[in-house]
Amino acid sequence: MAGQRGRDVLISIGDGETPEAFFVVAGIRAKTISLTAGLVEATTAQSPNAWREAISGAGVKRADIAGSGVFKDALSDALMRAAYFAGGASTFQMTIPDFGVLTGPFVI
């Protein structure tokens, strides 16, 4: 992989095979990266001292990324367009410098 600036995010799309291979399709200068995690509350009348309880490991995690950038080539443009018009979630990797890699199903 070529070097990247600290503010740039690489977007890769999976090929759907097992094991999944990822192809870099674009680089963006992220304007917004938002990570959230919801809780599933399990508090009942029997909760110790009426403290709020949550179910460990349950809940919804969400990642939203917005930015602008340039497609790598015509094939990259076609892959992203196909993922968008398919209407479902495709497996993507977001490589965020000094943070790590987010991999999972994303909707464009």
N, C-alpha and C. Protein backbone atom coordinates (compact mmCIF):
# COMPACT_ATOMS: atom_id res chain seq x y z
N MET A 1 0.85 -1.17 0.00
CA MET A 1 0.00 0.00 0.00
C MET A 1 0.89 1.23 0.00
N ALA A 2 0.52 2.20 -0.79
CA ALA A 2 1.27 3.45 -0.85
C ALA A 2 1.03 4.25 0.42
N GLY A 3 1.96 5.15 0.72
CA GLY A 3 1.82 6.00 1.90
C GLY A 3 0.60 6.89 1.80
N GLN A 4 0.13 7.36 2.93
CA GLN A 4 -1.02 8.25 2.96
C GLN A 4 -0.81 9.34 3.99
N ARG A 5 -1.43 10.46 3.75
CA ARG A 5 -1.34 11.56 4.70
C ARG A 5 -2.16 11.25 5.93
N GLY A 6 -1.85 11.89 7.02
CA GLY A 6 -2.54 11.63 8.27
C GLY A 6 -4.02 11.93 8.25
N ARG A 7 -4.48 12.75 7.33
CA ARG A 7 -5.90 13.11 7.32
C ARG A 7 -6.70 12.31 6.30
N ASP A 8 -6.04 11.45 5.53
CA ASP A 8 -6.71 10.73 4.46
C ASP A 8 -7.21 9.36 4.91
N VAL A 9 -8.36 8.97 4.36
CA VAL A 9 -8.97 7.68 4.65
C VAL A 9 -9.01 6.88 3.36
N LEU A 10 -8.59 5.62 3.40
CA LEU A 10 -8.69 4.75 2.23
C LEU A 10 -9.95 3.90 2.35
N ILE A 11 -10.68 3.78 1.26
CA ILE A 11 -11.88 2.95 1.22
C ILE A 11 -11.61 1.76 0.31
N SER A 12 -11.83 0.56 0.84
CA SER A 12 -11.65 -0.67 0.07
C SER A 12 -12.96 -1.44 0.09
N ILE A 13 -13.26 -2.14 -1.00
CA ILE A 13 -14.49 -2.94 -1.07
C ILE A 13 -14.10 -4.41 -1.20
N GLY A 14 -14.88 -5.26 -0.55
CA GLY A 14 -14.63 -6.70 -0.59
C GLY A 14 -15.17 -7.34 -1.85
N ASP A 15 -14.58 -8.48 -2.21
CA ASP A 15 -15.01 -9.18 -3.42
C ASP A 15 -16.11 -10.21 -3.15
N GLY A 16 -16.49 -10.41 -1.89
CA GLY A 16 -17.57 -11.34 -1.56
C GLY A 16 -17.13 -12.80 -1.49
N GLU A 17 -15.87 -13.09 -1.73
CA GLU A 17 -15.38 -14.46 -1.69
C GLU A 17 -14.94 -14.83 -0.28
N THR A 18 -14.61 -16.12 -0.07
CA THR A 18 -14.09 -16.59 1.21
C THR A 18 -12.73 -17.22 0.99
N PRO A 19 -11.65 -16.70 1.54
CA PRO A 19 -11.56 -15.48 2.33
C PRO A 19 -11.73 -14.25 1.44
N GLU A 20 -12.22 -13.20 2.05
CA GLU A 20 -12.52 -11.98 1.30
C GLU A 20 -11.25 -11.18 1.00
N ALA A 21 -11.13 -10.79 -0.25
CA ALA A 21 -10.03 -9.91 -0.66
C ALA A 21 -10.61 -8.51 -0.82
N PHE A 22 -9.83 -7.49 -0.48
CA PHE A 22 -10.29 -6.11 -0.56
C PHE A 22 -9.49 -5.34 -1.59
N PHE A 23 -10.18 -4.48 -2.33
CA PHE A 23 -9.57 -3.66 -3.36
C PHE A 23 -9.76 -2.20 -3.01
N VAL A 24 -8.68 -1.43 -3.00
CA VAL A 24 -8.78 0.01 -2.72
C VAL A 24 -9.52 0.66 -3.87
N VAL A 25 -10.61 1.36 -3.56
CA VAL A 25 -11.41 2.02 -4.59
C VAL A 25 -11.33 3.54 -4.52
N ALA A 26 -11.02 4.09 -3.35
CA ALA A 26 -11.00 5.55 -3.25
C ALA A 26 -10.23 5.99 -2.03
N GLY A 27 -9.83 7.23 -2.07
CA GLY A 27 -9.24 7.90 -0.92
C GLY A 27 -10.06 9.15 -0.67
N ILE A 28 -10.39 9.41 0.58
CA ILE A 28 -11.17 10.62 0.88
C ILE A 28 -10.47 11.42 1.97
N ARG A 29 -10.73 12.68 1.96
CA ARG A 29 -10.35 13.52 3.08
C ARG A 29 -11.60 13.61 3.95
N ALA A 30 -11.58 12.87 5.03
CA ALA A 30 -12.77 12.74 5.87
C ALA A 30 -13.13 14.08 6.51
N LYS A 31 -14.39 14.44 6.37
CA LYS A 31 -14.90 15.63 7.03
C LYS A 31 -15.56 15.25 8.35
N THR A 32 -16.13 14.04 8.39
CA THR A 32 -16.80 13.57 9.60
C THR A 32 -16.59 12.07 9.76
N ILE A 33 -16.16 11.66 10.93
CA ILE A 33 -16.12 10.25 11.30
C ILE A 33 -16.84 10.16 12.63
N SER A 34 -17.93 9.40 12.65
CA SER A 34 -18.74 9.28 13.86
C SER A 34 -18.90 7.81 14.22
N LEU A 35 -18.47 7.45 15.41
CA LEU A 35 -18.63 6.08 15.91
C LEU A 35 -19.56 6.13 17.12
N THR A 36 -20.61 5.31 17.10
CA THR A 36 -21.54 5.27 18.23
C THR A 36 -21.83 3.81 18.59
N ALA A 37 -22.18 3.60 19.84
CA ALA A 37 -22.56 2.27 20.31
C ALA A 37 -23.73 2.43 21.27
N GLY A 38 -24.81 1.72 20.98
CA GLY A 38 -25.99 1.77 21.83
C GLY A 38 -25.97 0.65 22.86
N LEU A 39 -26.74 0.84 23.90
CA LEU A 39 -26.85 -0.16 24.95
C LEU A 39 -28.20 -0.84 24.89
N VAL A 40 -28.26 -2.07 25.38
CA VAL A 40 -29.53 -2.76 25.59
C VAL A 40 -29.73 -2.78 27.09
N GLU A 41 -30.71 -2.06 27.54
CA GLU A 41 -30.95 -1.94 28.98
C GLU A 41 -31.71 -3.15 29.50
N ALA A 42 -31.29 -3.63 30.67
CA ALA A 42 -31.90 -4.80 31.29
C ALA A 42 -32.32 -4.51 32.73
N THR A 43 -32.51 -3.23 33.05
CA THR A 43 -32.88 -2.86 34.41
C THR A 43 -34.28 -3.37 34.74
N THR A 44 -34.42 -3.95 35.93
CA THR A 44 -35.71 -4.42 36.40
C THR A 44 -35.93 -3.91 37.82
N ALA A 45 -37.08 -4.22 38.36
CA ALA A 45 -37.37 -3.83 39.75
C ALA A 45 -36.43 -4.54 40.72
N GLN A 46 -35.85 -5.67 40.29
CA GLN A 46 -34.94 -6.41 41.15
C GLN A 46 -33.47 -6.01 40.96
N SER A 47 -33.17 -5.02 40.15
CA SER A 47 -31.79 -4.58 39.94
C SER A 47 -31.21 -4.08 41.26
N PRO A 48 -29.98 -4.49 41.58
CA PRO A 48 -29.38 -4.12 42.87
C PRO A 48 -29.35 -2.61 43.07
N ASN A 49 -29.91 -2.17 44.19
CA ASN A 49 -29.94 -0.75 44.57
C ASN A 49 -30.51 0.15 43.48
N ALA A 50 -31.35 -0.42 42.61
CA ALA A 50 -32.00 0.32 41.52
C ALA A 50 -31.01 0.91 40.52
N TRP A 51 -29.82 0.33 40.42
CA TRP A 51 -28.85 0.80 39.45
C TRP A 51 -29.23 0.30 38.06
N ARG A 52 -28.96 1.11 37.09
CA ARG A 52 -29.23 0.75 35.71
C ARG A 52 -28.31 -0.41 35.31
N GLU A 53 -28.87 -1.40 34.61
CA GLU A 53 -28.09 -2.55 34.14
C GLU A 53 -28.17 -2.63 32.62
N ALA A 54 -27.07 -3.05 32.02
CA ALA A 54 -27.01 -3.23 30.57
C ALA A 54 -26.54 -4.65 30.28
N ILE A 55 -26.98 -5.19 29.15
CA ILE A 55 -26.55 -6.52 28.74
C ILE A 55 -25.20 -6.38 28.05
N SER A 56 -24.19 -7.05 28.58
CA SER A 56 -22.83 -6.96 28.06
C SER A 56 -22.77 -7.51 26.64
N GLY A 57 -22.15 -6.75 25.75
CA GLY A 57 -21.94 -7.20 24.38
C GLY A 57 -23.13 -7.02 23.46
N ALA A 58 -24.27 -6.64 24.00
CA ALA A 58 -25.45 -6.43 23.18
C ALA A 58 -25.51 -4.97 22.76
N GLY A 59 -26.26 -4.68 21.76
CA GLY A 59 -26.41 -3.30 21.32
C GLY A 59 -25.98 -3.13 19.88
N VAL A 60 -26.20 -1.94 19.39
CA VAL A 60 -25.91 -1.62 18.00
C VAL A 60 -24.70 -0.72 17.92
N LYS A 61 -23.78 -1.07 17.04
CA LYS A 61 -22.62 -0.21 16.78
C LYS A 61 -22.81 0.39 15.40
N ARG A 62 -22.39 1.64 15.27
CA ARG A 62 -22.60 2.35 14.01
C ARG A 62 -21.38 3.20 13.69
N ALA A 63 -21.00 3.21 12.42
CA ALA A 63 -19.92 4.07 11.94
C ALA A 63 -20.44 4.85 10.75
N ASP A 64 -20.32 6.16 10.80
CA ASP A 64 -20.69 7.04 9.70
C ASP A 64 -19.45 7.81 9.27
N ILE A 65 -19.18 7.79 7.97
CA ILE A 65 -18.03 8.50 7.44
C ILE A 65 -18.52 9.34 6.27
N ALA A 66 -18.15 10.61 6.26
CA ALA A 66 -18.50 11.51 5.16
C ALA A 66 -17.26 12.28 4.75
N GLY A 67 -17.11 12.49 3.47
CA GLY A 67 -15.95 13.23 2.98
C GLY A 67 -16.00 13.36 1.48
N SER A 68 -14.94 13.91 0.93
CA SER A 68 -14.83 14.04 -0.52
C SER A 68 -13.47 13.51 -0.93
N GLY A 69 -13.39 13.05 -2.18
CA GLY A 69 -12.12 12.51 -2.63
C GLY A 69 -12.17 12.13 -4.09
N VAL A 70 -11.27 11.26 -4.48
CA VAL A 70 -11.11 10.90 -5.88
C VAL A 70 -11.11 9.37 -6.00
N PHE A 71 -11.88 8.86 -7.00
CA PHE A 71 -11.83 7.44 -7.28
C PHE A 71 -10.48 7.08 -7.86
N LYS A 72 -10.03 5.88 -7.58
CA LYS A 72 -8.72 5.42 -8.03
C LYS A 72 -8.68 5.27 -9.55
N ASP A 73 -9.77 4.69 -10.14
CA ASP A 73 -9.83 4.47 -11.59
C ASP A 73 -11.27 4.16 -11.97
N ALA A 74 -11.50 3.87 -13.26
CA ALA A 74 -12.85 3.59 -13.75
C ALA A 74 -13.45 2.34 -13.11
N LEU A 75 -12.64 1.31 -12.86
CA LEU A 75 -13.14 0.09 -12.22
C LEU A 75 -13.62 0.40 -10.80
N SER A 76 -12.86 1.22 -10.07
CA SER A 76 -13.26 1.60 -8.72
C SER A 76 -14.59 2.33 -8.74
N ASP A 77 -14.75 3.24 -9.68
CA ASP A 77 -16.00 3.97 -9.84
C ASP A 77 -17.15 3.00 -10.10
N ALA A 78 -16.93 2.02 -10.96
CA ALA A 78 -17.97 1.03 -11.29
C ALA A 78 -18.33 0.17 -10.08
N LEU A 79 -17.33 -0.24 -9.29
CA LEU A 79 -17.60 -1.05 -8.10
C LEU A 79 -18.44 -0.28 -7.08
N MET A 80 -18.11 0.98 -6.85
CA MET A 80 -18.87 1.80 -5.90
C MET A 80 -20.28 2.06 -6.42
N ARG A 81 -20.40 2.32 -7.69
CA ARG A 81 -21.71 2.56 -8.30
C ARG A 81 -22.58 1.31 -8.17
N ALA A 82 -22.01 0.13 -8.44
CA ALA A 82 -22.75 -1.12 -8.32
C ALA A 82 -23.19 -1.37 -6.88
N ALA A 83 -22.30 -1.07 -5.91
CA ALA A 83 -22.66 -1.24 -4.50
C ALA A 83 -23.81 -0.32 -4.12
N TYR A 84 -23.79 0.90 -4.63
CA TYR A 84 -24.85 1.86 -4.32
C TYR A 84 -26.19 1.41 -4.91
N PHE A 85 -26.20 1.06 -6.19
CA PHE A 85 -27.45 0.72 -6.85
C PHE A 85 -27.98 -0.66 -6.44
N ALA A 86 -27.14 -1.51 -5.86
CA ALA A 86 -27.62 -2.79 -5.35
C ALA A 86 -28.54 -2.58 -4.15
N GLY A 87 -28.36 -1.48 -3.45
CA GLY A 87 -29.26 -1.11 -2.36
C GLY A 87 -29.02 -1.83 -1.04
N GLY A 88 -28.11 -2.76 -1.00
CA GLY A 88 -27.84 -3.48 0.24
C GLY A 88 -26.49 -3.09 0.81
N ALA A 89 -26.10 -3.81 1.82
CA ALA A 89 -24.81 -3.57 2.46
C ALA A 89 -23.74 -4.40 1.75
N SER A 90 -22.62 -3.77 1.48
CA SER A 90 -21.44 -4.46 0.95
C SER A 90 -20.36 -4.42 2.01
N THR A 91 -19.42 -5.36 1.96
CA THR A 91 -18.34 -5.37 2.93
C THR A 91 -17.26 -4.38 2.49
N PHE A 92 -16.97 -3.44 3.38
CA PHE A 92 -15.96 -2.42 3.12
C PHE A 92 -14.92 -2.42 4.22
N GLN A 93 -13.77 -1.86 3.90
CA GLN A 93 -12.75 -1.55 4.89
C GLN A 93 -12.46 -0.05 4.80
N MET A 94 -12.44 0.60 5.93
CA MET A 94 -12.05 2.01 6.02
C MET A 94 -10.74 2.05 6.79
N THR A 95 -9.66 2.42 6.13
CA THR A 95 -8.36 2.53 6.77
C THR A 95 -8.18 3.97 7.21
N ILE A 96 -8.16 4.17 8.54
CA ILE A 96 -8.09 5.50 9.12
C ILE A 96 -6.72 5.65 9.79
N PRO A 97 -5.89 6.56 9.28
CA PRO A 97 -4.55 6.72 9.83
C PRO A 97 -4.58 7.00 11.33
N ASP A 98 -3.64 6.43 12.05
CA ASP A 98 -3.48 6.60 13.49
C ASP A 98 -4.70 6.12 14.29
N PHE A 99 -5.60 5.35 13.66
CA PHE A 99 -6.75 4.80 14.37
C PHE A 99 -6.83 3.30 14.13
N GLY A 100 -6.85 2.92 12.86
CA GLY A 100 -6.93 1.51 12.54
C GLY A 100 -7.82 1.26 11.32
N VAL A 101 -8.34 0.05 11.24
CA VAL A 101 -9.15 -0.36 10.11
C VAL A 101 -10.53 -0.77 10.62
N LEU A 102 -11.57 -0.21 10.02
CA LEU A 102 -12.94 -0.62 10.31
C LEU A 102 -13.38 -1.51 9.15
N THR A 103 -13.78 -2.74 9.46
CA THR A 103 -14.23 -3.68 8.43
C THR A 103 -15.62 -4.15 8.79
N GLY A 104 -16.51 -4.15 7.79
CA GLY A 104 -17.85 -4.65 8.04
C GLY A 104 -18.81 -4.25 6.94
N PRO A 105 -20.08 -4.59 7.12
CA PRO A 105 -21.07 -4.23 6.11
C PRO A 105 -21.40 -2.74 6.22
N PHE A 106 -21.27 -2.03 5.11
CA PHE A 106 -21.60 -0.61 5.05
C PHE A 106 -22.58 -0.38 3.90
N VAL A 107 -23.41 0.61 4.06
CA VAL A 107 -24.35 1.03 3.02
C VAL A 107 -23.90 2.39 2.54
N ILE A 108 -23.88 2.57 1.22
CA ILE A 108 -23.48 3.86 0.66
C ILE A 108 -24.73 4.73 0.55
